[in-house]
């Protein structure tokens, strides 16, 4: 029913790029009474006040180049005229110049939206469209952060999907991506442009060692096909692999009720080994990552979170149960935020092997603030450093054992990353050594 409701909303209303739950201001009568130049300056000054008050790095605004940028922008804002110029040229120009700031600005919604176009669809047709839309392209993509740049890559290709048939491969760079609704055919049509990469270049791109500039158009491959229904991936999966190695995958750090099966899987894991799959985990509640870390690491420092007030240690929560057998964690470009924090802690405390591909590199926590004209500014309010004092935003967490699945793996139904993790677990179990004592490990990593 949830998928049906989402697709019904797509079909029965016009799409909008504006989030419905954002805390927008309605322009006041006093704001409306200002001249166009004064309105632009009011928006501009509010934009900077929100950055100044909330940005995780209070040193940012004290830099001479940022102070000069702020003054130059104010002069331009007074002459901006139309809001599109203010947001697109003035604020957009500042955002592009701010060093590693990750600030975003969004125009107020237009007041003259066209009336929704309505379609008549039966519940069965809507459900079929839902099945086709969600996963129907046959591949997953992720936008990874490397330095100040964002880039999209193919994370997974589903077997027996139109993407697999079209020859799309894990690790390719996604240049463009569009899904259009074809109401006459009751289908979704995918069109995309990809930069094919061999495995070495694909891994170099994810490390940030390959150029992220726009690719030569002569090397870009254009692919088009129709979506078709594919079975949705369950949000949690638990099973045994190999002999008696426990495998658990969960795709976000949800609330206590959502995480119950995950914690149960850890309690059930035996001495032969445990594999935790974070390849599609986009993050969620940090507290849940702390609880899981406690079950794997004990009472240790996972890293340090910085906001405008300073830096504070993030500790794993004391567990009621501690798993001490062999451990492997699967990671990839779809692993972001809290899953990266957990992966980094496991690596820093040498608790297990990270297997797969570089993580996303999205460690900043951002909040959205309203502007007086109804626009929005997004400001990163918290940053994270690992227990070994490494900044991970724009970098990601590197695997100990890199694995990039091939299209041949996909077509054969093989999970090359999982297979490699099982091999490592078996090798670890066959040469079992006493577990190191992690209880005082945090003393090696003083706060920044």
Protein backbone atom coordinates (compact mmCIF):
# COMPACT_ATOMS: atom_id res chain seq x y z
CA UNK A 1 0.00 0.00 0.00
CA UNK A 2 2.86 2.38 0.70
CA UNK A 3 4.34 2.00 -2.80
CA UNK A 4 0.88 2.40 -4.29
CA UNK A 5 0.37 5.64 -2.40
CA UNK A 6 3.71 7.01 -3.59
CA UNK A 7 3.02 6.23 -7.22
CA UNK A 8 -0.52 7.54 -6.94
CA UNK A 9 0.91 10.81 -5.69
CA UNK A 10 3.25 10.92 -8.69
CA UNK A 11 0.43 10.26 -11.12
CA UNK A 12 -2.23 12.47 -9.57
CA UNK A 13 -0.24 15.62 -8.95
CA UNK A 14 2.36 17.76 -10.62
CA UNK A 15 5.88 17.11 -9.43
CA UNK A 16 7.76 19.72 -7.46
CA UNK A 17 11.42 20.00 -6.50
CA UNK A 18 10.45 21.52 -3.16
CA UNK A 19 10.19 19.38 -0.05
CA UNK A 20 6.74 19.61 1.48
CA UNK A 21 7.98 19.28 5.06
CA UNK A 22 10.66 21.98 4.93
CA UNK A 23 10.16 24.81 7.47
CA UNK A 24 9.43 27.58 4.98
CA UNK A 25 8.56 31.11 5.97
CA UNK A 26 5.63 32.91 4.41
CA UNK A 27 6.81 36.41 3.48
CA UNK A 28 5.48 38.94 5.98
CA UNK A 29 3.70 42.13 5.00
CA UNK A 30 6.73 44.09 6.18
CA UNK A 31 8.98 42.05 3.88
CA UNK A 32 6.59 42.51 0.95
CA UNK A 33 6.60 46.27 1.53
CA UNK A 34 10.36 46.47 0.92
CA UNK A 35 11.79 47.50 -2.43
CA UNK A 36 13.19 44.67 -4.62
CA UNK A 37 16.75 45.59 -3.65
CA UNK A 38 15.89 45.67 0.06
CA UNK A 39 14.18 42.28 -0.18
CA UNK A 40 17.27 40.81 -1.83
CA UNK A 41 19.49 42.21 0.93
CA UNK A 42 17.16 40.87 3.62
CA UNK A 43 17.39 37.39 2.10
CA UNK A 44 21.15 37.71 1.63
CA UNK A 45 21.77 38.81 5.22
CA UNK A 46 19.54 36.00 6.59
CA UNK A 47 21.47 33.52 4.42
CA UNK A 48 24.75 34.55 6.06
CA UNK A 49 23.30 34.77 9.60
CA UNK A 50 22.20 31.14 9.37
CA UNK A 51 25.68 30.09 8.22
CA UNK A 52 27.38 32.18 10.91
CA UNK A 53 25.18 30.83 13.70
CA UNK A 54 24.98 27.17 12.72
CA UNK A 55 27.99 26.09 10.62
CA UNK A 56 30.04 23.39 12.32
CA UNK A 57 33.30 25.29 11.68
CA UNK A 58 33.17 28.72 13.40
CA UNK A 59 36.59 29.51 11.95
CA UNK A 60 35.14 29.51 8.44
CA UNK A 61 33.71 33.03 8.54
CA UNK A 62 36.85 34.50 10.09
CA UNK A 63 38.93 33.78 7.00
CA UNK A 64 39.88 36.89 5.05
CA UNK A 65 38.79 35.41 1.71
CA UNK A 66 35.35 34.53 3.11
CA UNK A 67 34.87 38.02 4.59
CA UNK A 68 35.75 39.55 1.23
CA UNK A 69 33.39 37.14 -0.55
CA UNK A 70 30.58 38.10 1.79
CA UNK A 71 30.99 41.83 1.14
CA UNK A 72 31.31 41.42 -2.63
CA UNK A 73 28.19 39.28 -2.66
CA UNK A 74 26.20 41.83 -0.71
CA UNK A 75 26.91 44.48 -3.32
CA UNK A 76 25.75 42.07 -6.03
CA UNK A 77 22.64 41.09 -4.04
CA UNK A 78 21.44 44.70 -3.90
CA UNK A 79 21.42 44.80 -7.71
CA UNK A 80 20.16 41.25 -8.28
CA UNK A 81 16.58 42.17 -9.12
CA UNK A 82 14.70 38.91 -9.75
CA UNK A 83 14.97 36.17 -7.07
CA UNK A 84 16.29 33.78 -9.72
CA UNK A 85 19.32 36.04 -10.14
CA UNK A 86 19.79 36.32 -6.38
CA UNK A 87 19.71 32.55 -5.82
CA UNK A 88 21.30 31.42 -9.07
CA UNK A 89 24.06 33.97 -9.56
CA UNK A 90 24.74 35.63 -6.20
CA UNK A 91 24.09 32.87 -3.63
CA UNK A 92 25.07 30.16 -6.10
CA UNK A 93 28.36 31.94 -6.78
CA UNK A 94 29.11 32.23 -3.07
CA UNK A 95 28.31 28.58 -2.45
CA UNK A 96 30.68 27.52 -5.22
CA UNK A 97 33.48 29.60 -3.67
CA UNK A 98 33.01 28.61 -0.02
CA UNK A 99 35.77 26.12 0.81
CA UNK A 100 34.30 22.70 1.64
CA UNK A 101 31.23 24.40 3.11
CA UNK A 102 28.49 22.14 1.67
CA UNK A 103 25.96 24.97 1.88
CA UNK A 104 22.88 24.90 -0.37
CA UNK A 105 20.20 27.47 -1.16
CA UNK A 106 16.76 26.81 -2.61
CA UNK A 107 14.41 29.27 -4.29
CA UNK A 108 10.96 29.88 -2.80
CA UNK A 109 8.25 27.86 -4.54
CA UNK A 110 6.48 29.66 -7.38
CA UNK A 111 3.07 31.05 -6.51
CA UNK A 112 1.55 30.19 -9.88
CA UNK A 113 1.95 26.40 -10.04
CA UNK A 114 -0.17 24.88 -12.81
CA UNK A 115 -3.20 22.82 -11.85
CA UNK A 116 -2.34 19.14 -11.37
CA UNK A 117 -2.81 16.90 -14.34
CA UNK A 118 -4.96 13.94 -13.34
CA UNK A 119 -4.92 10.41 -14.63
CA UNK A 120 -7.35 7.59 -14.10
CA UNK A 121 -5.62 4.39 -13.03
CA UNK A 122 -6.97 1.26 -11.42
CA UNK A 123 -5.33 0.06 -8.18
CA UNK A 124 -3.82 -2.86 -10.09
CA UNK A 125 -2.26 -0.54 -12.69
CA UNK A 126 -0.90 1.75 -9.98
CA UNK A 127 0.66 -1.23 -8.15
CA UNK A 128 2.25 -2.50 -11.35
CA UNK A 129 3.68 0.96 -12.02
CA UNK A 130 4.99 1.03 -8.45
CA UNK A 131 6.75 -2.30 -8.93
CA UNK A 132 8.21 -0.98 -12.18
CA UNK A 133 9.34 2.37 -10.76
CA UNK A 134 11.08 1.09 -7.64
CA UNK A 135 14.04 -0.96 -8.81
CA UNK A 136 12.71 -1.33 -12.34
CA UNK A 137 15.80 0.30 -13.88
CA UNK A 138 17.75 -2.69 -12.61
CA UNK A 139 20.71 -0.89 -11.07
CA UNK A 140 21.51 1.22 -8.03
CA UNK A 141 23.53 4.40 -8.13
CA UNK A 142 25.09 6.56 -5.43
CA UNK A 143 26.40 10.11 -5.40
CA UNK A 144 29.78 9.95 -3.68
CA UNK A 145 31.72 12.92 -2.27
CA UNK A 146 35.40 13.30 -3.07
CA UNK A 147 36.93 16.57 -1.93
CA UNK A 148 34.57 19.37 -2.95
CA UNK A 149 33.03 17.37 -5.82
CA UNK A 150 30.10 15.00 -6.04
CA UNK A 151 29.98 12.22 -8.60
CA UNK A 152 27.53 9.42 -9.36
CA UNK A 153 28.59 5.82 -9.80
CA UNK A 154 26.83 2.52 -10.40
CA UNK A 155 26.81 0.61 -7.13
CA UNK A 156 24.96 -2.57 -8.12
CA UNK A 157 23.44 -4.18 -11.21
CA UNK A 158 20.55 -6.55 -10.60
CA UNK A 159 20.64 -9.95 -12.34
CA UNK A 160 17.94 -10.59 -14.96
CA UNK A 161 17.21 -6.88 -15.20
CA UNK A 162 17.10 -4.50 -18.18
CA UNK A 163 20.30 -2.86 -16.87
CA UNK A 164 22.13 -6.19 -16.95
CA UNK A 165 20.82 -6.87 -20.46
CA UNK A 166 22.00 -3.41 -21.57
CA UNK A 167 25.52 -4.18 -20.30
CA UNK A 168 25.71 -1.61 -17.48
CA UNK A 169 28.53 -2.56 -15.09
CA UNK A 170 29.22 -1.89 -11.38
CA UNK A 171 31.70 0.96 -11.01
CA UNK A 172 30.74 2.86 -14.15
CA UNK A 173 30.38 6.61 -13.81
CA UNK A 174 26.80 7.89 -14.23
CA UNK A 175 26.89 11.04 -16.37
CA UNK A 176 23.12 11.56 -16.61
CA UNK A 177 20.06 9.70 -15.39
CA UNK A 178 16.41 10.24 -16.31
CA UNK A 179 13.22 8.27 -15.77
CA UNK A 180 10.14 9.50 -17.64
CA UNK A 181 6.56 8.35 -17.33
CA UNK A 182 4.99 7.05 -20.54
CA UNK A 183 1.29 7.20 -19.74
CA UNK A 184 0.23 5.74 -23.08
CA UNK A 185 2.28 2.61 -22.48
CA UNK A 186 1.73 2.59 -18.71
CA UNK A 187 5.47 2.36 -18.18
CA UNK A 188 8.57 4.19 -17.06
CA UNK A 189 11.28 4.83 -19.64
CA UNK A 190 14.91 5.05 -18.53
CA UNK A 191 17.53 7.02 -20.43
CA UNK A 192 21.05 7.54 -19.19
CA UNK A 193 24.60 8.35 -20.13
CA UNK A 194 27.53 6.41 -18.68
CA UNK A 195 31.29 6.59 -18.77
CA UNK A 196 32.49 2.98 -19.09
CA UNK A 197 35.47 2.27 -16.81
CA UNK A 198 37.66 -0.77 -16.41
CA UNK A 199 37.93 -2.15 -12.84
CA UNK A 200 41.18 -0.34 -12.01
CA UNK A 201 39.84 3.03 -13.17
CA UNK A 202 36.50 2.43 -11.44
CA UNK A 203 38.22 1.85 -8.10
CA UNK A 204 40.51 4.85 -8.71
CA UNK A 205 37.45 7.04 -9.36
CA UNK A 206 35.91 5.94 -6.08
CA UNK A 207 39.14 6.71 -4.23
CA UNK A 208 39.21 10.19 -5.76
CA UNK A 209 42.34 9.38 -7.79
CA UNK A 210 40.69 9.75 -11.20
CA UNK A 211 39.56 13.01 -12.81
CA UNK A 212 36.01 14.02 -11.95
CA UNK A 213 35.85 16.61 -14.71
CA UNK A 214 33.11 16.22 -17.35
CA UNK A 215 34.12 13.27 -19.53
CA UNK A 216 34.92 13.40 -23.24
CA UNK A 217 31.55 13.05 -24.98
CA UNK A 218 33.11 10.57 -27.42
CA UNK A 219 33.61 8.11 -24.56
CA UNK A 220 30.10 8.47 -23.14
CA UNK A 221 27.70 5.59 -23.74
CA UNK A 222 23.99 6.37 -24.13
CA UNK A 223 21.55 3.69 -22.97
CA UNK A 224 17.75 3.59 -23.09
CA UNK A 225 15.22 0.95 -22.08
CA UNK A 226 11.86 0.44 -20.39
CA UNK A 227 11.57 -0.37 -16.70
CA UNK A 228 10.04 -3.66 -15.77
CA UNK A 229 8.87 -4.93 -12.38
CA UNK A 230 11.60 -6.39 -10.17
CA UNK A 231 11.33 -7.90 -6.74
CA UNK A 232 12.09 -5.30 -4.09
CA UNK A 233 15.01 -5.91 -1.77
CA UNK A 234 13.87 -6.47 1.81
CA UNK A 235 15.17 -3.84 4.26
CA UNK A 236 16.65 -6.55 6.53
CA UNK A 237 18.07 -9.96 5.61
CA UNK A 238 19.40 -12.62 7.98
CA UNK A 239 20.76 -16.03 7.02
CA UNK A 240 23.72 -18.37 7.29
CA UNK A 241 26.34 -18.51 4.55
CA UNK A 242 29.11 -21.03 4.10
CA UNK A 243 29.04 -23.48 6.99
CA UNK A 244 27.74 -21.55 9.97
CA UNK A 245 28.76 -17.96 9.25
CA UNK A 246 25.97 -15.55 10.20
CA UNK A 247 25.09 -12.91 7.59
CA UNK A 248 22.97 -9.84 8.31
CA UNK A 249 22.12 -6.96 5.99
CA UNK A 250 20.12 -3.90 7.01
CA UNK A 251 19.71 -0.84 4.85
CA UNK A 252 19.39 1.89 7.46
CA UNK A 253 19.87 2.48 11.18
CA UNK A 254 16.18 2.72 12.07
CA UNK A 255 14.44 2.91 15.42
CA UNK A 256 14.63 0.28 18.17
CA UNK A 257 11.80 -1.78 16.70
CA UNK A 258 13.40 -1.84 13.23
CA UNK A 259 16.79 -2.83 14.64
CA UNK A 260 15.54 -5.70 16.83
CA UNK A 261 16.18 -8.40 14.18
CA UNK A 262 19.70 -7.03 13.61
CA UNK A 263 20.63 -7.24 17.28
CA UNK A 264 19.03 -10.67 17.49
CA UNK A 265 21.19 -11.84 14.58
CA UNK A 266 24.32 -10.72 16.46
CA UNK A 267 23.21 -12.55 19.59
CA UNK A 268 22.61 -15.70 17.52
CA UNK A 269 25.94 -15.53 15.68
CA UNK A 270 28.23 -18.39 16.59
CA UNK A 271 32.02 -18.63 16.82
CA UNK A 272 32.39 -19.47 13.10
CA UNK A 273 31.99 -15.84 12.12
CA UNK A 274 29.73 -12.86 11.39
CA UNK A 275 29.30 -10.80 8.21
CA UNK A 276 27.55 -7.42 8.41
CA UNK A 277 26.47 -6.00 5.05
CA UNK A 278 26.36 -2.17 4.95
CA UNK A 279 26.60 -1.80 1.16
CA UNK A 280 23.13 -0.25 0.87
CA UNK A 281 22.99 1.34 4.31
CA UNK A 282 22.46 5.08 3.93
CA UNK A 283 22.73 5.85 7.64
CA UNK A 284 20.06 6.90 10.11
CA UNK A 285 20.10 7.12 13.88
CA UNK A 286 23.62 7.52 15.25
CA UNK A 287 22.51 6.00 18.57
CA UNK A 288 21.81 2.70 16.80
CA UNK A 289 25.29 2.70 15.26
CA UNK A 290 26.67 3.27 18.76
CA UNK A 291 24.65 0.31 20.11
CA UNK A 292 25.85 -1.96 17.32
CA UNK A 293 29.44 -0.81 17.84
CA UNK A 294 29.15 -1.71 21.52
CA UNK A 295 28.14 -5.26 20.58
CA UNK A 296 31.22 -5.56 18.35
CA UNK A 297 33.86 -3.40 20.02
CA UNK A 298 32.84 -2.87 23.62
CA UNK A 299 33.18 0.53 25.30
CA UNK A 300 35.41 2.50 22.91
CA UNK A 301 35.55 5.91 21.26
CA UNK A 302 34.12 5.67 17.73
CA UNK A 303 35.15 9.17 16.73
CA UNK A 304 34.57 12.85 17.37
CA UNK A 305 31.71 15.09 16.35
CA UNK A 306 32.28 18.82 15.89
CA UNK A 307 29.68 21.57 15.88
CA UNK A 308 29.76 25.32 16.46
CA UNK A 309 30.34 24.74 20.20
CA UNK A 310 33.36 22.45 19.81
CA UNK A 311 34.25 18.77 19.62
CA UNK A 312 32.87 15.85 21.61
CA UNK A 313 33.70 12.14 21.62
CA UNK A 314 31.17 9.64 20.28
CA UNK A 315 31.38 6.43 22.27
CA UNK A 316 30.00 2.99 21.59
CA UNK A 317 27.21 2.17 24.01
CA UNK A 318 27.88 -0.49 26.63
CA UNK A 319 26.40 -3.73 25.29
CA UNK A 320 24.30 -6.33 26.99
CA UNK A 321 25.90 -8.84 24.61
CA UNK A 322 29.33 -8.78 23.00
CA UNK A 323 30.14 -10.74 19.84
CA UNK A 324 33.81 -11.75 19.81
CA UNK A 325 34.08 -14.11 16.84
CA UNK A 326 35.61 -13.39 13.39
CA UNK A 327 34.02 -10.36 11.71
CA UNK A 328 33.82 -8.98 8.16
CA UNK A 329 31.89 -5.87 7.12
CA UNK A 330 30.79 -5.27 3.54
CA UNK A 331 30.93 -1.64 2.39
CA UNK A 332 30.49 0.32 -0.84
CA UNK A 333 29.45 3.66 -2.37
CA UNK A 334 25.95 3.22 -0.94
CA UNK A 335 27.34 3.12 2.62
CA UNK A 336 27.01 6.61 4.07
CA UNK A 337 26.71 8.60 7.28
CA UNK A 338 26.20 6.35 10.34
CA UNK A 339 27.28 3.23 8.44
CA UNK A 340 30.57 4.98 7.60
CA UNK A 341 31.05 5.90 11.25
CA UNK A 342 30.62 2.26 12.23
CA UNK A 343 32.93 1.04 9.45
CA UNK A 344 35.62 3.55 10.44
CA UNK A 345 35.43 2.48 14.09
CA UNK A 346 35.82 -1.19 13.15
CA UNK A 347 38.84 -0.30 11.03
CA UNK A 348 40.46 1.97 13.63
CA UNK A 349 40.09 -0.63 16.38
CA UNK A 350 41.25 -3.46 14.07
CA UNK A 351 38.17 -5.48 14.94
CA UNK A 352 37.50 -7.05 11.53
CA UNK A 353 38.02 -6.73 7.79
CA UNK A 354 36.20 -4.19 5.60
CA UNK A 355 35.47 -5.80 2.22
CA UNK A 356 34.17 -4.17 -0.95
CA UNK A 357 34.48 -0.60 -2.23
CA UNK A 358 35.03 2.91 -0.88
CA UNK A 359 32.14 4.31 1.14
CA UNK A 360 30.15 7.39 0.18
CA UNK A 361 32.04 10.12 2.03
CA UNK A 362 28.90 11.84 3.37
CA UNK A 363 29.60 12.52 7.04
CA UNK A 364 28.31 16.06 7.46
CA UNK A 365 24.98 16.48 9.23
CA UNK A 366 23.00 19.38 7.78
CA UNK A 367 19.94 21.32 8.91
CA UNK A 368 17.54 23.41 6.84
CA UNK A 369 16.68 26.99 7.78
CA UNK A 370 14.01 29.29 6.31
CA UNK A 371 14.72 32.56 4.55
CA UNK A 372 12.35 35.55 4.69
CA UNK A 373 11.11 35.18 1.10
CA UNK A 374 10.11 31.52 1.51
CA UNK A 375 13.43 30.15 0.31
CA UNK A 376 15.67 27.77 2.22
CA UNK A 377 19.33 27.50 3.14
CA UNK A 378 20.92 24.17 4.10
CA UNK A 379 23.87 24.48 6.47
CA UNK A 380 26.17 21.64 7.64
CA UNK A 381 25.94 21.80 11.42
CA UNK A 382 28.03 18.80 12.51
CA UNK A 383 31.20 17.19 11.16
CA UNK A 384 32.82 13.89 12.11
CA UNK A 385 36.37 12.63 12.54
CA UNK A 386 37.30 9.04 13.12
CA UNK A 387 38.89 7.70 16.29
CA UNK A 388 42.26 8.01 14.54
CA UNK A 389 41.46 11.70 13.86
CA UNK A 390 40.80 11.29 10.13
CA UNK A 391 38.22 13.50 8.46
CA UNK A 392 35.97 11.27 6.37
CA UNK A 393 33.58 13.70 4.66
CA UNK A 394 34.61 13.98 1.04
CA UNK A 395 37.01 11.05 1.55
CA UNK A 396 35.09 7.95 2.63
CA UNK A 397 36.32 4.80 4.32
CA UNK A 398 38.60 2.51 2.30
CA UNK A 399 38.10 -1.25 2.35
CA UNK A 400 40.85 -3.48 3.66
CA UNK A 401 40.08 -5.88 0.81
CA UNK A 402 38.86 -4.16 -2.39
CA UNK A 403 36.32 -6.10 -4.47
CA UNK A 404 34.52 -4.79 -7.57
CA UNK A 405 31.93 -7.25 -8.94
CA UNK A 406 32.01 -7.85 -12.69
CA UNK A 407 29.07 -8.10 -15.07
CA UNK A 408 29.93 -11.77 -15.39
CA UNK A 409 29.44 -12.11 -11.61
CA UNK A 410 26.05 -10.42 -11.93
CA UNK A 411 24.93 -12.67 -14.78
CA UNK A 412 26.07 -15.77 -12.91
CA UNK A 413 24.20 -14.69 -9.78
CA UNK A 414 27.44 -14.47 -7.79
CA UNK A 415 28.01 -11.97 -4.99
CA UNK A 416 31.78 -11.59 -5.33
CA UNK A 417 32.07 -9.31 -2.30
CA UNK A 418 30.22 -11.69 -0.02
CA UNK A 419 32.18 -14.66 -1.36
CA UNK A 420 35.46 -12.92 -0.55
CA UNK A 421 34.26 -12.09 2.96
CA UNK A 422 33.37 -15.74 3.58
CA UNK A 423 36.89 -16.75 2.50
CA UNK A 424 38.40 -14.25 4.95
CA UNK A 425 36.15 -15.43 7.78
CA UNK A 426 37.14 -19.05 7.20
CA UNK A 427 40.83 -18.14 7.13
CA UNK A 428 40.41 -16.18 10.37
CA UNK A 429 38.50 -18.99 12.07
CA UNK A 430 41.17 -21.52 11.13
CA UNK A 431 43.90 -19.43 12.75
CA UNK A 432 41.95 -18.20 15.78
CA UNK A 433 43.90 -15.95 18.10
CA UNK A 434 42.83 -14.39 21.43
CA UNK A 435 40.79 -11.22 20.94
CA UNK A 436 42.66 -7.98 21.78
CA UNK A 437 41.46 -5.89 24.70
CA UNK A 438 39.63 -2.84 23.31
CA UNK A 439 38.54 -1.45 26.67
CA UNK A 440 41.24 1.23 26.90
CA UNK A 441 41.81 1.69 23.18
CA UNK A 442 40.28 5.18 23.30
CA UNK A 443 43.29 6.46 25.24
CA UNK A 444 45.30 6.25 22.02
CA UNK A 445 43.01 8.78 20.34
CA UNK A 446 42.75 12.04 22.35
CA UNK A 447 39.98 14.48 21.37
CA UNK A 448 40.77 16.93 18.57
